[in-house]
């Protein structure tokens, strides 16, 4: 093999390594890395109080409050669970999944139980995803965006949800701006649907 061939192979390898290093996780890996309620220290909901559901929609929410760097997402989840039950008298955390600043996905309410909302729409049939932060004021970071795509793709594949049924809270309620202007923009311009469609195509 000539020196030129060696250099060409070395250059190709150097270009390929970053692509491999940053390859998106498989949807199975996404599911395996979701932090369960037991892992973050929550307690299970009483199934006798739950409304059972089958997933037909995927709906995006934001926390609607600032979530500064360094805030503990586990403490947030524990407080949210306590508040949801003791103050709102809900079954559990209203959302099925919560995404933190690092793009880590946490389990909230069991997906088989319909969520809750302060607004007028009925979320039965909706898989509810909350991203921490107030996206009226701040931009979502890339880790959060990637996690939203990964989770939406996982749910769409597992429950046979059409990408046309991916939407935001405000699409079902006139009483809210949720998931916030700067996160909703990624629904409005088709970013999430396009990325989810690509992930689904790659997972076949």
C-alpha atoms as a PDB file:
ATOM      1  CA  UNK A   1       0.000   0.000   0.000  1.00  0.00           C
ATOM      2  CA  UNK A   2       1.375   3.421  -0.922  1.00  0.00           C
ATOM      3  CA  UNK A   3       1.899   6.317   1.474  1.00  0.00           C
ATOM      4  CA  UNK A   4      -0.911   8.158  -0.300  1.00  0.00           C
ATOM      5  CA  UNK A   5      -3.287   5.255   0.336  1.00  0.00           C
ATOM      6  CA  UNK A   6      -2.332   5.163   4.025  1.00  0.00           C
ATOM      7  CA  UNK A   7      -2.930   8.904   4.330  1.00  0.00           C
ATOM      8  CA  UNK A   8      -6.279   8.627   2.554  1.00  0.00           C
ATOM      9  CA  UNK A   9      -7.433   5.837   4.884  1.00  0.00           C
ATOM     10  CA  UNK A  10      -6.227   7.767   7.938  1.00  0.00           C
ATOM     11  CA  UNK A  11      -8.048  10.892   6.801  1.00  0.00           C
ATOM     12  CA  UNK A  12     -11.243   8.906   6.157  1.00  0.00           C
ATOM     13  CA  UNK A  13     -11.008   7.354   9.623  1.00  0.00           C
ATOM     14  CA  UNK A  14     -10.500  10.733  11.251  1.00  0.00           C
ATOM     15  CA  UNK A  15     -13.593  12.069   9.502  1.00  0.00           C
ATOM     16  CA  UNK A  16     -15.651   9.009  10.384  1.00  0.00           C
ATOM     17  CA  UNK A  17     -14.857   8.925  14.109  1.00  0.00           C
ATOM     18  CA  UNK A  18     -16.709  12.129  15.059  1.00  0.00           C
ATOM     19  CA  UNK A  19     -19.759  10.925  13.130  1.00  0.00           C
ATOM     20  CA  UNK A  20     -19.705   7.622  15.028  1.00  0.00           C
ATOM     21  CA  UNK A  21     -19.076   9.341  18.356  1.00  0.00           C
ATOM     22  CA  UNK A  22     -22.145  11.532  17.948  1.00  0.00           C
ATOM     23  CA  UNK A  23     -24.462   8.942  16.375  1.00  0.00           C
ATOM     24  CA  UNK A  24     -27.988   9.183  17.728  1.00  0.00           C
ATOM     25  CA  UNK A  25     -28.960   6.435  20.169  1.00  0.00           C
ATOM     26  CA  UNK A  26     -31.297   3.729  18.924  1.00  0.00           C
ATOM     27  CA  UNK A  27     -34.887   3.995  20.077  1.00  0.00           C
ATOM     28  CA  UNK A  28     -34.333   0.920  22.251  1.00  0.00           C
ATOM     29  CA  UNK A  29     -31.418   2.745  23.915  1.00  0.00           C
ATOM     30  CA  UNK A  30     -33.589   5.833  24.417  1.00  0.00           C
ATOM     31  CA  UNK A  31     -36.158   3.717  26.244  1.00  0.00           C
ATOM     32  CA  UNK A  32     -33.522   1.925  28.332  1.00  0.00           C
ATOM     33  CA  UNK A  33     -32.078   5.232  29.582  1.00  0.00           C
ATOM     34  CA  UNK A  34     -35.359   6.770  30.764  1.00  0.00           C
ATOM     35  CA  UNK A  35     -35.063   7.373  34.516  1.00  0.00           C
ATOM     36  CA  UNK A  36     -37.917   5.520  36.197  1.00  0.00           C
ATOM     37  CA  UNK A  37     -40.072   6.850  39.024  1.00  0.00           C
ATOM     38  CA  UNK A  38     -38.395   4.409  41.406  1.00  0.00           C
ATOM     39  CA  UNK A  39     -34.942   5.589  40.318  1.00  0.00           C
ATOM     40  CA  UNK A  40     -35.664   9.264  41.031  1.00  0.00           C
ATOM     41  CA  UNK A  41     -37.341   8.442  44.336  1.00  0.00           C
ATOM     42  CA  UNK A  42     -40.997   8.938  43.488  1.00  0.00           C
ATOM     43  CA  UNK A  43     -43.880   6.778  44.631  1.00  0.00           C
ATOM     44  CA  UNK A  44     -46.367   4.947  42.398  1.00  0.00           C
ATOM     45  CA  UNK A  45     -49.851   6.295  41.823  1.00  0.00           C
ATOM     46  CA  UNK A  46     -52.946   4.464  43.007  1.00  0.00           C
ATOM     47  CA  UNK A  47     -54.270   2.650  39.904  1.00  0.00           C
ATOM     48  CA  UNK A  48     -57.769   2.632  41.376  1.00  0.00           C
ATOM     49  CA  UNK A  49     -57.867   6.420  40.917  1.00  0.00           C
ATOM     50  CA  UNK A  50     -56.533   6.444  37.367  1.00  0.00           C
ATOM     51  CA  UNK A  51     -58.279   6.995  34.050  1.00  0.00           C
ATOM     52  CA  UNK A  52     -56.911   4.372  31.668  1.00  0.00           C
ATOM     53  CA  UNK A  53     -55.999   5.442  28.143  1.00  0.00           C
ATOM     54  CA  UNK A  54     -54.609   4.321  24.814  1.00  0.00           C
ATOM     55  CA  UNK A  55     -52.086   6.674  23.215  1.00  0.00           C
ATOM     56  CA  UNK A  56     -53.237   8.453  20.049  1.00  0.00           C
ATOM     57  CA  UNK A  57     -51.451  11.812  20.388  1.00  0.00           C
ATOM     58  CA  UNK A  58     -48.082  13.193  21.503  1.00  0.00           C
ATOM     59  CA  UNK A  59     -48.355  16.618  23.132  1.00  0.00           C
ATOM     60  CA  UNK A  60     -45.549  18.957  24.167  1.00  0.00           C
ATOM     61  CA  UNK A  61     -45.575  21.136  27.287  1.00  0.00           C
ATOM     62  CA  UNK A  62     -43.094  23.339  29.098  1.00  0.00           C
ATOM     63  CA  UNK A  63     -42.638  23.849  32.806  1.00  0.00           C
ATOM     64  CA  UNK A  64     -43.538  27.517  32.443  1.00  0.00           C
ATOM     65  CA  UNK A  65     -41.104  28.588  35.181  1.00  0.00           C
ATOM     66  CA  UNK A  66     -37.363  29.339  35.174  1.00  0.00           C
ATOM     67  CA  UNK A  67     -35.120  26.313  35.610  1.00  0.00           C
ATOM     68  CA  UNK A  68     -31.603  27.658  36.247  1.00  0.00           C
ATOM     69  CA  UNK A  69     -28.405  25.726  35.669  1.00  0.00           C
ATOM     70  CA  UNK A  70     -27.516  23.749  38.785  1.00  0.00           C
ATOM     71  CA  UNK A  71     -31.115  23.162  39.883  1.00  0.00           C
ATOM     72  CA  UNK A  72     -31.603  19.533  40.892  1.00  0.00           C
ATOM     73  CA  UNK A  73     -34.111  17.831  38.558  1.00  0.00           C
ATOM     74  CA  UNK A  74     -34.704  15.010  41.050  1.00  0.00           C
ATOM     75  CA  UNK A  75     -35.694  17.462  43.786  1.00  0.00           C
ATOM     76  CA  UNK A  76     -37.923  19.217  41.245  1.00  0.00           C
ATOM     77  CA  UNK A  77     -39.671  15.953  40.364  1.00  0.00           C
ATOM     78  CA  UNK A  78     -40.216  14.990  43.991  1.00  0.00           C
ATOM     79  CA  UNK A  79     -41.654  18.426  44.758  1.00  0.00           C
ATOM     80  CA  UNK A  80     -43.833  18.301  41.642  1.00  0.00           C
ATOM     81  CA  UNK A  81     -45.237  14.925  42.651  1.00  0.00           C
ATOM     82  CA  UNK A  82     -46.017  16.137  46.172  1.00  0.00           C
ATOM     83  CA  UNK A  83     -47.620  19.370  44.885  1.00  0.00           C
ATOM     84  CA  UNK A  84     -49.659  17.520  42.250  1.00  0.00           C
ATOM     85  CA  UNK A  85     -51.166  15.207  44.839  1.00  0.00           C
ATOM     86  CA  UNK A  86     -51.509  17.401  47.907  1.00  0.00           C
ATOM     87  CA  UNK A  87     -52.374  20.768  46.339  1.00  0.00           C
ATOM     88  CA  UNK A  88     -54.033  19.856  43.024  1.00  0.00           C
ATOM     89  CA  UNK A  89     -55.463  16.530  44.248  1.00  0.00           C
ATOM     90  CA  UNK A  90     -54.368  14.894  41.010  1.00  0.00           C
ATOM     91  CA  UNK A  91     -53.435  11.274  40.660  1.00  0.00           C
ATOM     92  CA  UNK A  92     -49.774  12.101  40.106  1.00  0.00           C
ATOM     93  CA  UNK A  93     -47.417  14.377  38.188  1.00  0.00           C
ATOM     94  CA  UNK A  94     -49.577  15.573  35.265  1.00  0.00           C
ATOM     95  CA  UNK A  95     -46.984  14.672  32.595  1.00  0.00           C
ATOM     96  CA  UNK A  96     -45.793  11.268  31.485  1.00  0.00           C
ATOM     97  CA  UNK A  97     -42.219  12.349  30.767  1.00  0.00           C
ATOM     98  CA  UNK A  98     -40.018  15.233  31.877  1.00  0.00           C
ATOM     99  CA  UNK A  99     -36.848  16.368  30.075  1.00  0.00           C
ATOM    100  CA  UNK A 100     -34.180  18.255  32.027  1.00  0.00           C
ATOM    101  CA  UNK A 101     -31.514  20.746  30.896  1.00  0.00           C
ATOM    102  CA  UNK A 102     -29.101  17.946  29.998  1.00  0.00           C
ATOM    103  CA  UNK A 103     -31.638  16.154  27.830  1.00  0.00           C
ATOM    104  CA  UNK A 104     -32.167  13.391  30.375  1.00  0.00           C
ATOM    105  CA  UNK A 105     -35.648  11.874  30.224  1.00  0.00           C
ATOM    106  CA  UNK A 106     -37.542  11.040  33.431  1.00  0.00           C
ATOM    107  CA  UNK A 107     -40.692   8.996  33.828  1.00  0.00           C
ATOM    108  CA  UNK A 108     -43.592  10.858  35.437  1.00  0.00           C
ATOM    109  CA  UNK A 109     -47.139   9.527  35.456  1.00  0.00           C
ATOM    110  CA  UNK A 110     -47.537   6.049  33.988  1.00  0.00           C
ATOM    111  CA  UNK A 111     -48.334   6.307  30.301  1.00  0.00           C
ATOM    112  CA  UNK A 112     -51.386   4.079  30.665  1.00  0.00           C
ATOM    113  CA  UNK A 113     -52.972   6.737  32.928  1.00  0.00           C
ATOM    114  CA  UNK A 114     -54.451   9.878  31.352  1.00  0.00           C
ATOM    115  CA  UNK A 115     -52.718  13.126  32.321  1.00  0.00           C
ATOM    116  CA  UNK A 116     -54.071  16.250  33.989  1.00  0.00           C
ATOM    117  CA  UNK A 117     -54.165  19.896  32.990  1.00  0.00           C
ATOM    118  CA  UNK A 118     -55.207  23.272  34.374  1.00  0.00           C
ATOM    119  CA  UNK A 119     -56.841  24.115  31.044  1.00  0.00           C
ATOM    120  CA  UNK A 120     -60.059  23.092  29.336  1.00  0.00           C
ATOM    121  CA  UNK A 121     -58.888  20.302  27.029  1.00  0.00           C
ATOM    122  CA  UNK A 122     -59.168  16.622  27.873  1.00  0.00           C
ATOM    123  CA  UNK A 123     -55.690  15.056  27.641  1.00  0.00           C
ATOM    124  CA  UNK A 124     -56.994  11.494  27.542  1.00  0.00           C
ATOM    125  CA  UNK A 125     -55.131   9.667  24.782  1.00  0.00           C
ATOM    126  CA  UNK A 126     -52.220  12.104  24.878  1.00  0.00           C
ATOM    127  CA  UNK A 127     -48.644  11.207  25.819  1.00  0.00           C
ATOM    128  CA  UNK A 128     -47.601  14.370  27.663  1.00  0.00           C
ATOM    129  CA  UNK A 129     -43.978  15.524  27.455  1.00  0.00           C
ATOM    130  CA  UNK A 130     -42.764  18.400  29.629  1.00  0.00           C
ATOM    131  CA  UNK A 131     -39.491  20.216  28.995  1.00  0.00           C
ATOM    132  CA  UNK A 132     -38.172  22.140  32.008  1.00  0.00           C
ATOM    133  CA  UNK A 133     -37.854  25.910  31.667  1.00  0.00           C
ATOM    134  CA  UNK A 134     -40.024  28.824  30.591  1.00  0.00           C
ATOM    135  CA  UNK A 135     -39.802  29.036  26.809  1.00  0.00           C
ATOM    136  CA  UNK A 136     -41.596  32.336  26.667  1.00  0.00           C
ATOM    137  CA  UNK A 137     -38.334  33.739  28.054  1.00  0.00           C
ATOM    138  CA  UNK A 138     -35.512  31.364  27.039  1.00  0.00           C
ATOM    139  CA  UNK A 139     -34.543  29.135  24.131  1.00  0.00           C
ATOM    140  CA  UNK A 140     -34.468  25.336  24.485  1.00  0.00           C
ATOM    141  CA  UNK A 141     -30.946  23.974  24.251  1.00  0.00           C
ATOM    142  CA  UNK A 142     -29.867  21.371  21.705  1.00  0.00           C
ATOM    143  CA  UNK A 143     -29.778  18.540  24.245  1.00  0.00           C
ATOM    144  CA  UNK A 144     -33.407  19.217  25.092  1.00  0.00           C
ATOM    145  CA  UNK A 145     -34.410  19.390  21.427  1.00  0.00           C
ATOM    146  CA  UNK A 146     -32.626  16.107  20.674  1.00  0.00           C
ATOM    147  CA  UNK A 147     -34.306  14.432  23.646  1.00  0.00           C
ATOM    148  CA  UNK A 148     -37.732  15.640  22.516  1.00  0.00           C
ATOM    149  CA  UNK A 149     -37.126  14.154  19.064  1.00  0.00           C
ATOM    150  CA  UNK A 150     -35.854  10.863  20.507  1.00  0.00           C
ATOM    151  CA  UNK A 151     -38.785  10.521  22.893  1.00  0.00           C
ATOM    152  CA  UNK A 152     -41.404  11.506  20.305  1.00  0.00           C
ATOM    153  CA  UNK A 153     -39.944   8.986  17.855  1.00  0.00           C
ATOM    154  CA  UNK A 154     -39.947   6.251  20.507  1.00  0.00           C
ATOM    155  CA  UNK A 155     -43.581   6.943  21.392  1.00  0.00           C
ATOM    156  CA  UNK A 156     -44.679   7.269  17.749  1.00  0.00           C
ATOM    157  CA  UNK A 157     -43.123   3.913  16.900  1.00  0.00           C
ATOM    158  CA  UNK A 158     -44.264   2.052  19.993  1.00  0.00           C
ATOM    159  CA  UNK A 159     -47.871   3.294  19.927  1.00  0.00           C
ATOM    160  CA  UNK A 160     -48.299   3.786  16.161  1.00  0.00           C
ATOM    161  CA  UNK A 161     -48.938   7.510  16.484  1.00  0.00           C
ATOM    162  CA  UNK A 162     -48.931   9.474  13.232  1.00  0.00           C
ATOM    163  CA  UNK A 163     -46.514  12.391  13.116  1.00  0.00           C
ATOM    164  CA  UNK A 164     -49.566  14.504  12.251  1.00  0.00           C
ATOM    165  CA  UNK A 165     -50.694  13.936  15.845  1.00  0.00           C
ATOM    166  CA  UNK A 166     -47.592  15.636  17.308  1.00  0.00           C
ATOM    167  CA  UNK A 167     -48.619  19.021  18.682  1.00  0.00           C
ATOM    168  CA  UNK A 168     -48.333  21.467  21.574  1.00  0.00           C
ATOM    169  CA  UNK A 169     -50.586  22.171  24.545  1.00  0.00           C
ATOM    170  CA  UNK A 170     -51.761  25.461  23.011  1.00  0.00           C
ATOM    171  CA  UNK A 171     -53.043  23.601  19.946  1.00  0.00           C
ATOM    172  CA  UNK A 172     -55.783  22.164  22.167  1.00  0.00           C
ATOM    173  CA  UNK A 173     -56.399  25.080  24.520  1.00  0.00           C
ATOM    174  CA  UNK A 174     -57.039  28.796  24.100  1.00  0.00           C
ATOM    175  CA  UNK A 175     -56.154  29.312  27.764  1.00  0.00           C
ATOM    176  CA  UNK A 176     -52.387  28.819  27.496  1.00  0.00           C
ATOM    177  CA  UNK A 177     -49.231  29.750  25.577  1.00  0.00           C
ATOM    178  CA  UNK A 178     -47.650  26.392  26.557  1.00  0.00           C
ATOM    179  CA  UNK A 179     -45.124  25.103  25.452  1.00  0.00           C
ATOM    180  CA  UNK A 180     -43.888  28.678  25.133  1.00  0.00           C
ATOM    181  CA  UNK A 181     -43.056  30.732  22.056  1.00  0.00           C
ATOM    182  CA  UNK A 182     -39.463  29.558  21.637  1.00  0.00           C
ATOM    183  CA  UNK A 183     -40.236  25.835  21.976  1.00  0.00           C
ATOM    184  CA  UNK A 184     -43.502  25.994  20.043  1.00  0.00           C
ATOM    185  CA  UNK A 185     -41.558  27.431  17.090  1.00  0.00           C
ATOM    186  CA  UNK A 186     -40.043  23.969  16.549  1.00  0.00           C
ATOM    187  CA  UNK A 187     -43.554  22.529  16.196  1.00  0.00           C
ATOM    188  CA  UNK A 188     -44.770  25.406  14.058  1.00  0.00           C
ATOM    189  CA  UNK A 189     -42.002  25.136  11.463  1.00  0.00           C
ATOM    190  CA  UNK A 190     -42.183  21.338  11.256  1.00  0.00           C
ATOM    191  CA  UNK A 191     -38.785  20.704  12.863  1.00  0.00           C
ATOM    192  CA  UNK A 192     -40.015  18.061  15.322  1.00  0.00           C
ATOM    193  CA  UNK A 193     -42.187  16.233  12.798  1.00  0.00           C
ATOM    194  CA  UNK A 194     -39.390  16.147  10.217  1.00  0.00           C
ATOM    195  CA  UNK A 195     -36.800  14.939  12.727  1.00  0.00           C
ATOM    196  CA  UNK A 196     -39.155  12.316  14.124  1.00  0.00           C
ATOM    197  CA  UNK A 197     -39.955  11.061  10.625  1.00  0.00           C
ATOM    198  CA  UNK A 198     -36.227  10.720   9.945  1.00  0.00           C
ATOM    199  CA  UNK A 199     -35.632   8.832  13.213  1.00  0.00           C
ATOM    200  CA  UNK A 200     -38.493   6.475  12.396  1.00  0.00           C
ATOM    201  CA  UNK A 201     -37.135   5.833   8.917  1.00  0.00           C
ATOM    202  CA  UNK A 202     -33.703   5.052  10.373  1.00  0.00           C
ATOM    203  CA  UNK A 203     -35.181   2.639  12.943  1.00  0.00           C
ATOM    204  CA  UNK A 204     -36.871   0.364  10.392  1.00  0.00           C
END
